[in-house]
Amino acid sequence: MQVMVELSLYPLVNEYLTPIKAFIARLNSYQNLTVTTCSTSTQVQGDYTEVLQILGVEMQRTHEEVGQAVFVAKFLNFDAMSSK
């Protein structure tokens, strides 16, 4: 099953751009993901289980490195969208 996740990251630090750019760069390093970055969010598409595992790892890393950070996410069953 394919999933598309739209993510926004809000690091609660003064220098907020650095953690956002680092998070996006890490997502782009995974060859099995399709990553599209917009001005206020990033869309990640791939195998449901793999996307959730990767996001878990990378979100935890962000929290460990930054401290307080808010992630806002929307999850869409991409298989259902592709069949219409």
PDB file of N, CA and C in Angstrom:
ATOM      1  N   MET A   1       0.844  -1.175   0.000  1.00  0.00           N
ATOM      2  CA  MET A   1       0.000   0.000   0.000  1.00  0.00           C
ATOM      3  C   MET A   1       0.891   1.240   0.000  1.00  0.00           C
ATOM      4  N   GLN A   2       0.520   2.211  -0.778  1.00  0.00           N
ATOM      5  CA  GLN A   2       1.258   3.471  -0.866  1.00  0.00           C
ATOM      6  C   GLN A   2       0.590   4.533   0.013  1.00  0.00           C
ATOM      7  N   VAL A   3       1.403   5.387   0.590  1.00  0.00           N
ATOM      8  CA  VAL A   3       0.908   6.481   1.417  1.00  0.00           C
ATOM      9  C   VAL A   3       1.575   7.779   0.970  1.00  0.00           C
ATOM     10  N   MET A   4       0.852   8.874   1.132  1.00  0.00           N
ATOM     11  CA  MET A   4       1.424  10.202   0.936  1.00  0.00           C
ATOM     12  C   MET A   4       1.207  10.956   2.243  1.00  0.00           C
ATOM     13  N   VAL A   5       2.286  11.482   2.777  1.00  0.00           N
ATOM     14  CA  VAL A   5       2.234  12.223   4.035  1.00  0.00           C
ATOM     15  C   VAL A   5       2.675  13.648   3.758  1.00  0.00           C
ATOM     16  N   GLU A   6       1.858  14.595   4.173  1.00  0.00           N
ATOM     17  CA  GLU A   6       2.225  16.005   4.082  1.00  0.00           C
ATOM     18  C   GLU A   6       2.645  16.454   5.477  1.00  0.00           C
ATOM     19  N   LEU A   7       3.882  16.905   5.592  1.00  0.00           N
ATOM     20  CA  LEU A   7       4.475  17.254   6.890  1.00  0.00           C
ATOM     21  C   LEU A   7       4.864  18.718   6.948  1.00  0.00           C
ATOM     22  N   SER A   8       4.640  19.302   8.102  1.00  0.00           N
ATOM     23  CA  SER A   8       5.199  20.621   8.407  1.00  0.00           C
ATOM     24  C   SER A   8       5.941  20.482   9.723  1.00  0.00           C
ATOM     25  N   LEU A   9       7.112  21.072   9.796  1.00  0.00           N
ATOM     26  CA  LEU A   9       7.956  21.019  10.991  1.00  0.00           C
ATOM     27  C   LEU A   9       8.111  22.424  11.542  1.00  0.00           C
ATOM     28  N   TYR A  10       7.858  22.555  12.835  1.00  0.00           N
ATOM     29  CA  TYR A  10       7.992  23.838  13.526  1.00  0.00           C
ATOM     30  C   TYR A  10       8.933  23.672  14.713  1.00  0.00           C
ATOM     31  N   PRO A  11      10.257  23.847  14.499  1.00  0.00           N
ATOM     32  CA  PRO A  11      11.195  23.767  15.616  1.00  0.00           C
ATOM     33  C   PRO A  11      10.987  24.970  16.541  1.00  0.00           C
ATOM     34  N   LEU A  12      10.909  24.721  17.816  1.00  0.00           N
ATOM     35  CA  LEU A  12      10.686  25.802  18.773  1.00  0.00           C
ATOM     36  C   LEU A  12      12.022  26.337  19.278  1.00  0.00           C
ATOM     37  N   VAL A  13      12.810  26.819  18.319  1.00  0.00           N
ATOM     38  CA  VAL A  13      14.125  27.401  18.583  1.00  0.00           C
ATOM     39  C   VAL A  13      14.273  28.653  17.722  1.00  0.00           C
ATOM     40  N   ASN A  14      15.194  29.532  18.108  1.00  0.00           N
ATOM     41  CA  ASN A  14      15.405  30.765  17.344  1.00  0.00           C
ATOM     42  C   ASN A  14      15.899  30.501  15.928  1.00  0.00           C
ATOM     43  N   GLU A  15      16.847  29.604  15.788  1.00  0.00           N
ATOM     44  CA  GLU A  15      17.407  29.262  14.474  1.00  0.00           C
ATOM     45  C   GLU A  15      16.628  28.085  13.903  1.00  0.00           C
ATOM     46  N   TYR A  16      15.418  28.330  13.440  1.00  0.00           N
ATOM     47  CA  TYR A  16      14.508  27.252  13.049  1.00  0.00           C
ATOM     48  C   TYR A  16      14.762  26.699  11.646  1.00  0.00           C
ATOM     49  N   LEU A  17      15.395  27.468  10.760  1.00  0.00           N
ATOM     50  CA  LEU A  17      15.599  26.995   9.388  1.00  0.00           C
ATOM     51  C   LEU A  17      16.582  25.832   9.298  1.00  0.00           C
ATOM     52  N   THR A  18      17.612  25.850  10.123  1.00  0.00           N
ATOM     53  CA  THR A  18      18.633  24.799  10.068  1.00  0.00           C
ATOM     54  C   THR A  18      18.041  23.416  10.332  1.00  0.00           C
ATOM     55  N   PRO A  19      17.239  23.214  11.394  1.00  0.00           N
ATOM     56  CA  PRO A  19      16.659  21.879  11.599  1.00  0.00           C
ATOM     57  C   PRO A  19      15.666  21.471  10.517  1.00  0.00           C
ATOM     58  N   ILE A  20      14.945  22.424   9.956  1.00  0.00           N
ATOM     59  CA  ILE A  20      14.001  22.108   8.875  1.00  0.00           C
ATOM     60  C   ILE A  20      14.764  21.617   7.653  1.00  0.00           C
ATOM     61  N   LYS A  21      15.811  22.346   7.272  1.00  0.00           N
ATOM     62  CA  LYS A  21      16.609  21.950   6.107  1.00  0.00           C
ATOM     63  C   LYS A  21      17.283  20.599   6.330  1.00  0.00           C
ATOM     64  N   ALA A  22      17.755  20.354   7.551  1.00  0.00           N
ATOM     65  CA  ALA A  22      18.410  19.081   7.861  1.00  0.00           C
ATOM     66  C   ALA A  22      17.412  17.925   7.762  1.00  0.00           C
ATOM     67  N   PHE A  23      16.205  18.127   8.278  1.00  0.00           N
ATOM     68  CA  PHE A  23      15.174  17.093   8.220  1.00  0.00           C
ATOM     69  C   PHE A  23      14.825  16.762   6.768  1.00  0.00           C
ATOM     70  N   ILE A  24      14.627  17.784   5.951  1.00  0.00           N
ATOM     71  CA  ILE A  24      14.295  17.568   4.538  1.00  0.00           C
ATOM     72  C   ILE A  24      15.449  16.877   3.815  1.00  0.00           C
ATOM     73  N   ALA A  25      16.669  17.270   4.104  1.00  0.00           N
ATOM     74  CA  ALA A  25      17.832  16.642   3.460  1.00  0.00           C
ATOM     75  C   ALA A  25      17.904  15.160   3.815  1.00  0.00           C
ATOM     76  N   ARG A  26      17.628  14.834   5.069  1.00  0.00           N
ATOM     77  CA  ARG A  26      17.642  13.421   5.469  1.00  0.00           C
ATOM     78  C   ARG A  26      16.549  12.644   4.743  1.00  0.00           C
ATOM     79  N   LEU A  27      15.366  13.221   4.618  1.00  0.00           N
ATOM     80  CA  LEU A  27      14.297  12.541   3.884  1.00  0.00           C
ATOM     81  C   LEU A  27      14.697  12.306   2.436  1.00  0.00           C
ATOM     82  N   ASN A  28      15.350  13.284   1.831  1.00  0.00           N
ATOM     83  CA  ASN A  28      15.788  13.161   0.436  1.00  0.00           C
ATOM     84  C   ASN A  28      16.872  12.102   0.255  1.00  0.00           C
ATOM     85  N   SER A  29      17.527  11.685   1.325  1.00  0.00           N
ATOM     86  CA  SER A  29      18.599  10.688   1.212  1.00  0.00           C
ATOM     87  C   SER A  29      18.050   9.271   1.035  1.00  0.00           C
ATOM     88  N   TYR A  30      16.768   9.068   1.272  1.00  0.00           N
ATOM     89  CA  TYR A  30      16.156   7.751   1.122  1.00  0.00           C
ATOM     90  C   TYR A  30      15.683   7.581  -0.321  1.00  0.00           C
ATOM     91  N   GLN A  31      16.285   6.635  -1.026  1.00  0.00           N
ATOM     92  CA  GLN A  31      15.984   6.447  -2.446  1.00  0.00           C
ATOM     93  C   GLN A  31      14.584   5.912  -2.692  1.00  0.00           C
ATOM     94  N   ASN A  32      13.994   5.230  -1.729  1.00  0.00           N
ATOM     95  CA  ASN A  32      12.673   4.634  -1.922  1.00  0.00           C
ATOM     96  C   ASN A  32      11.533   5.617  -1.678  1.00  0.00           C
ATOM     97  N   LEU A  33      11.849   6.838  -1.271  1.00  0.00           N
ATOM     98  CA  LEU A  33      10.830   7.844  -1.012  1.00  0.00           C
ATOM     99  C   LEU A  33      10.785   8.846  -2.156  1.00  0.00           C
ATOM    100  N   THR A  34       9.594   9.351  -2.426  1.00  0.00           N
ATOM    101  CA  THR A  34       9.435  10.506  -3.305  1.00  0.00           C
ATOM    102  C   THR A  34       9.153  11.689  -2.387  1.00  0.00           C
ATOM    103  N   VAL A  35      10.030  12.689  -2.425  1.00  0.00           N
ATOM    104  CA  VAL A  35       9.930  13.840  -1.523  1.00  0.00           C
ATOM    105  C   VAL A  35       9.740  15.095  -2.366  1.00  0.00           C
ATOM    106  N   THR A  36       8.685  15.836  -2.058  1.00  0.00           N
ATOM    107  CA  THR A  36       8.392  17.091  -2.740  1.00  0.00           C
ATOM    108  C   THR A  36       8.274  18.178  -1.685  1.00  0.00           C
ATOM    109  N   THR A  37       9.101  19.200  -1.787  1.00  0.00           N
ATOM    110  CA  THR A  37       9.100  20.270  -0.803  1.00  0.00           C
ATOM    111  C   THR A  37       8.419  21.507  -1.367  1.00  0.00           C
ATOM    112  N   CYS A  38       7.479  22.035  -0.597  1.00  0.00           N
ATOM    113  CA  CYS A  38       6.778  23.272  -0.932  1.00  0.00           C
ATOM    114  C   CYS A  38       7.203  24.345   0.074  1.00  0.00           C
ATOM    115  N   SER A  39       6.611  25.508   0.004  1.00  0.00           N
ATOM    116  CA  SER A  39       7.026  26.597   0.883  1.00  0.00           C
ATOM    117  C   SER A  39       6.658  26.359   2.350  1.00  0.00           C
ATOM    118  N   THR A  40       5.596  25.631   2.627  1.00  0.00           N
ATOM    119  CA  THR A  40       5.176  25.439   4.019  1.00  0.00           C
ATOM    120  C   THR A  40       5.094  23.984   4.457  1.00  0.00           C
ATOM    121  N   SER A  41       5.359  23.057   3.542  1.00  0.00           N
ATOM    122  CA  SER A  41       5.271  21.646   3.905  1.00  0.00           C
ATOM    123  C   SER A  41       6.117  20.806   2.954  1.00  0.00           C
ATOM    124  N   THR A  42       6.272  19.547   3.343  1.00  0.00           N
ATOM    125  CA  THR A  42       6.978  18.581   2.514  1.00  0.00           C
ATOM    126  C   THR A  42       6.092  17.365   2.370  1.00  0.00           C
ATOM    127  N   GLN A  43       5.973  16.871   1.147  1.00  0.00           N
ATOM    128  CA  GLN A  43       5.174  15.673   0.885  1.00  0.00           C
ATOM    129  C   GLN A  43       6.115  14.500   0.691  1.00  0.00           C
ATOM    130  N   VAL A  44       5.799  13.412   1.386  1.00  0.00           N
ATOM    131  CA  VAL A  44       6.601  12.197   1.317  1.00  0.00           C
ATOM    132  C   VAL A  44       5.690  11.078   0.829  1.00  0.00           C
ATOM    133  N   GLN A  45       6.133  10.378  -0.207  1.00  0.00           N
ATOM    134  CA  GLN A  45       5.329   9.304  -0.775  1.00  0.00           C
ATOM    135  C   GLN A  45       6.160   8.042  -0.865  1.00  0.00           C
ATOM    136  N   GLY A  46       5.542   6.909  -0.560  1.00  0.00           N
ATOM    137  CA  GLY A  46       6.219   5.625  -0.679  1.00  0.00           C
ATOM    138  C   GLY A  46       5.395   4.524  -0.048  1.00  0.00           C
ATOM    139  N   ASP A  47       6.038   3.368   0.146  1.00  0.00           N
ATOM    140  CA  ASP A  47       5.398   2.240   0.788  1.00  0.00           C
ATOM    141  C   ASP A  47       4.999   2.614   2.218  1.00  0.00           C
ATOM    142  N   TYR A  48       3.758   2.319   2.579  1.00  0.00           N
ATOM    143  CA  TYR A  48       3.184   2.755   3.857  1.00  0.00           C
ATOM    144  C   TYR A  48       4.087   2.411   5.041  1.00  0.00           C
ATOM    145  N   THR A  49       4.446   1.138   5.160  1.00  0.00           N
ATOM    146  CA  THR A  49       5.252   0.694   6.298  1.00  0.00           C
ATOM    147  C   THR A  49       6.618   1.365   6.309  1.00  0.00           C
ATOM    148  N   GLU A  50       7.241   1.437   5.154  1.00  0.00           N
ATOM    149  CA  GLU A  50       8.573   2.037   5.061  1.00  0.00           C
ATOM    150  C   GLU A  50       8.542   3.528   5.392  1.00  0.00           C
ATOM    151  N   VAL A  51       7.554   4.255   4.873  1.00  0.00           N
ATOM    152  CA  VAL A  51       7.435   5.693   5.156  1.00  0.00           C
ATOM    153  C   VAL A  51       7.270   5.924   6.654  1.00  0.00           C
ATOM    154  N   LEU A  52       6.400   5.151   7.290  1.00  0.00           N
ATOM    155  CA  LEU A  52       6.180   5.345   8.726  1.00  0.00           C
ATOM    156  C   LEU A  52       7.428   5.017   9.536  1.00  0.00           C
ATOM    157  N   GLN A  53       8.172   3.989   9.146  1.00  0.00           N
ATOM    158  CA  GLN A  53       9.417   3.658   9.850  1.00  0.00           C
ATOM    159  C   GLN A  53      10.439   4.778   9.699  1.00  0.00           C
ATOM    160  N   ILE A  54      10.596   5.270   8.483  1.00  0.00           N
ATOM    161  CA  ILE A  54      11.562   6.343   8.227  1.00  0.00           C
ATOM    162  C   ILE A  54      11.167   7.610   8.976  1.00  0.00           C
ATOM    163  N   LEU A  55       9.897   7.973   8.908  1.00  0.00           N
ATOM    164  CA  LEU A  55       9.456   9.177   9.619  1.00  0.00           C
ATOM    165  C   LEU A  55       9.675   9.037  11.116  1.00  0.00           C
ATOM    166  N   GLY A  56       9.430   7.852  11.662  1.00  0.00           N
ATOM    167  CA  GLY A  56       9.675   7.635  13.088  1.00  0.00           C
ATOM    168  C   GLY A  56      11.129   7.882  13.456  1.00  0.00           C
ATOM    169  N   VAL A  57      12.032   7.343  12.659  1.00  0.00           N
ATOM    170  CA  VAL A  57      13.469   7.521  12.903  1.00  0.00           C
ATOM    171  C   VAL A  57      13.861   8.991  12.793  1.00  0.00           C
ATOM    172  N   GLU A  58      13.441   9.637  11.709  1.00  0.00           N
ATOM    173  CA  GLU A  58      13.877  11.011  11.444  1.00  0.00           C
ATOM    174  C   GLU A  58      13.198  12.034  12.358  1.00  0.00           C
ATOM    175  N   MET A  59      11.947  11.790  12.728  1.00  0.00           N
ATOM    176  CA  MET A  59      11.293  12.701  13.675  1.00  0.00           C
ATOM    177  C   MET A  59      11.944  12.581  15.053  1.00  0.00           C
ATOM    178  N   GLN A  60      12.256  11.362  15.472  1.00  0.00           N
ATOM    179  CA  GLN A  60      12.939  11.182  16.752  1.00  0.00           C
ATOM    180  C   GLN A  60      14.303  11.875  16.732  1.00  0.00           C
ATOM    181  N   ARG A  61      15.035  11.722  15.637  1.00  0.00           N
ATOM    182  CA  ARG A  61      16.344  12.378  15.524  1.00  0.00           C
ATOM    183  C   ARG A  61      16.202  13.895  15.650  1.00  0.00           C
ATOM    184  N   THR A  62      15.180  14.461  15.001  1.00  0.00           N
ATOM    185  CA  THR A  62      14.947  15.900  15.098  1.00  0.00           C
ATOM    186  C   THR A  62      14.674  16.298  16.542  1.00  0.00           C
ATOM    187  N   HIS A  63      13.823  15.553  17.237  1.00  0.00           N
ATOM    188  CA  HIS A  63      13.530  15.869  18.632  1.00  0.00           C
ATOM    189  C   HIS A  63      14.782  15.757  19.510  1.00  0.00           C
ATOM    190  N   GLU A  64      15.606  14.761  19.244  1.00  0.00           N
ATOM    191  CA  GLU A  64      16.838  14.601  20.020  1.00  0.00           C
ATOM    192  C   GLU A  64      17.807  15.750  19.773  1.00  0.00           C
ATOM    193  N   GLU A  65      17.897  16.207  18.525  1.00  0.00           N
ATOM    194  CA  GLU A  65      18.856  17.258  18.181  1.00  0.00           C
ATOM    195  C   GLU A  65      18.358  18.653  18.522  1.00  0.00           C
ATOM    196  N   VAL A  66      17.051  18.891  18.372  1.00  0.00           N
ATOM    197  CA  VAL A  66      16.503  20.235  18.511  1.00  0.00           C
ATOM    198  C   VAL A  66      15.903  20.470  19.895  1.00  0.00           C
ATOM    199  N   GLY A  67      15.362  19.426  20.476  1.00  0.00           N
ATOM    200  CA  GLY A  67      14.596  19.602  21.716  1.00  0.00           C
ATOM    201  C   GLY A  67      13.130  19.678  21.352  1.00  0.00           C
ATOM    202  N   GLN A  68      12.527  20.807  21.601  1.00  0.00           N
ATOM    203  CA  GLN A  68      11.106  20.974  21.303  1.00  0.00           C
ATOM    204  C   GLN A  68      10.903  21.305  19.831  1.00  0.00           C
ATOM    205  N   ALA A  69      10.041  20.523  19.199  1.00  0.00           N
ATOM    206  CA  ALA A  69       9.670  20.752  17.804  1.00  0.00           C
ATOM    207  C   ALA A  69       8.278  20.160  17.596  1.00  0.00           C
ATOM    208  N   VAL A  70       7.488  20.825  16.784  1.00  0.00           N
ATOM    209  CA  VAL A  70       6.139  20.371  16.485  1.00  0.00           C
ATOM    210  C   VAL A  70       6.113  19.856  15.049  1.00  0.00           C
ATOM    211  N   PHE A  71       5.572  18.651  14.866  1.00  0.00           N
ATOM    212  CA  PHE A  71       5.321  18.102  13.542  1.00  0.00           C
ATOM    213  C   PHE A  71       3.816  18.081  13.326  1.00  0.00           C
ATOM    214  N   VAL A  72       3.377  18.578  12.180  1.00  0.00           N
ATOM    215  CA  VAL A  72       1.974  18.488  11.784  1.00  0.00           C
ATOM    216  C   VAL A  72       1.943  17.635  10.527  1.00  0.00           C
ATOM    217  N   ALA A  73       1.104  16.591  10.535  1.00  0.00           N
ATOM    218  CA  ALA A  73       1.098  15.656   9.412  1.00  0.00           C
ATOM    219  C   ALA A  73      -0.322  15.312   8.976  1.00  0.00           C
ATOM    220  N   LYS A  74      -0.456  15.101   7.665  1.00  0.00           N
ATOM    221  CA  LYS A  74      -1.687  14.586   7.078  1.00  0.00           C
ATOM    222  C   LYS A  74      -1.312  13.323   6.313  1.00  0.00           C
ATOM    223  N   PHE A  75      -2.058  12.264   6.527  1.00  0.00           N
ATOM    224  CA  PHE A  75      -1.786  10.976   5.888  1.00  0.00           C
ATOM    225  C   PHE A  75      -2.894  10.659   4.892  1.00  0.00           C
ATOM    226  N   LEU A  76      -2.503  10.248   3.691  1.00  0.00           N
ATOM    227  CA  LEU A  76      -3.460   9.944   2.642  1.00  0.00           C
ATOM    228  C   LEU A  76      -3.142   8.580   2.043  1.00  0.00           C
ATOM    229  N   ASN A  77      -4.136   7.697   1.987  1.00  0.00           N
ATOM    230  CA  ASN A  77      -3.984   6.410   1.321  1.00  0.00           C
ATOM    231  C   ASN A  77      -3.811   6.704  -0.170  1.00  0.00           C
ATOM    232  N   PHE A  78      -2.582   6.651  -0.629  1.00  0.00           N
ATOM    233  CA  PHE A  78      -2.294   7.048  -2.007  1.00  0.00           C
ATOM    234  C   PHE A  78      -2.824   6.029  -3.014  1.00  0.00           C
ATOM    235  N   ASP A  79      -2.985   4.763  -2.603  1.00  0.00           N
ATOM    236  CA  ASP A  79      -3.565   3.764  -3.502  1.00  0.00           C
ATOM    237  C   ASP A  79      -4.989   4.168  -3.894  1.00  0.00           C
ATOM    238  N   ALA A  80      -5.756   4.655  -2.949  1.00  0.00           N
ATOM    239  CA  ALA A  80      -7.139   5.056  -3.219  1.00  0.00           C
ATOM    240  C   ALA A  80      -7.191   6.246  -4.192  1.00  0.00           C
ATOM    241  N   MET A  81      -6.217   7.143  -4.088  1.00  0.00           N
ATOM    242  CA  MET A  81      -6.177   8.309  -4.975  1.00  0.00           C
ATOM    243  C   MET A  81      -5.771   7.888  -6.397  1.00  0.00           C
ATOM    244  N   SER A  82      -4.885   6.947  -6.511  1.00  0.00           N
ATOM    245  CA  SER A  82      -4.385   6.532  -7.828  1.00  0.00           C
ATOM    246  C   SER A  82      -5.421   5.775  -8.636  1.00  0.00           C
ATOM    247  N   SER A  83      -6.383   5.139  -7.972  1.00  0.00           N
ATOM    248  CA  SER A  83      -7.355   4.318  -8.687  1.00  0.00           C
ATOM    249  C   SER A  83      -8.539   5.113  -9.222  1.00  0.00           C
ATOM    250  N   LYS A  84      -8.621   6.399  -8.894  1.00  0.00           N
ATOM    251  CA  LYS A  84      -9.760   7.209  -9.350  1.00  0.00           C
ATOM    252  C   LYS A  84      -9.429   7.986 -10.584  1.00  0.00           C
TER     253      LYS A  84
END
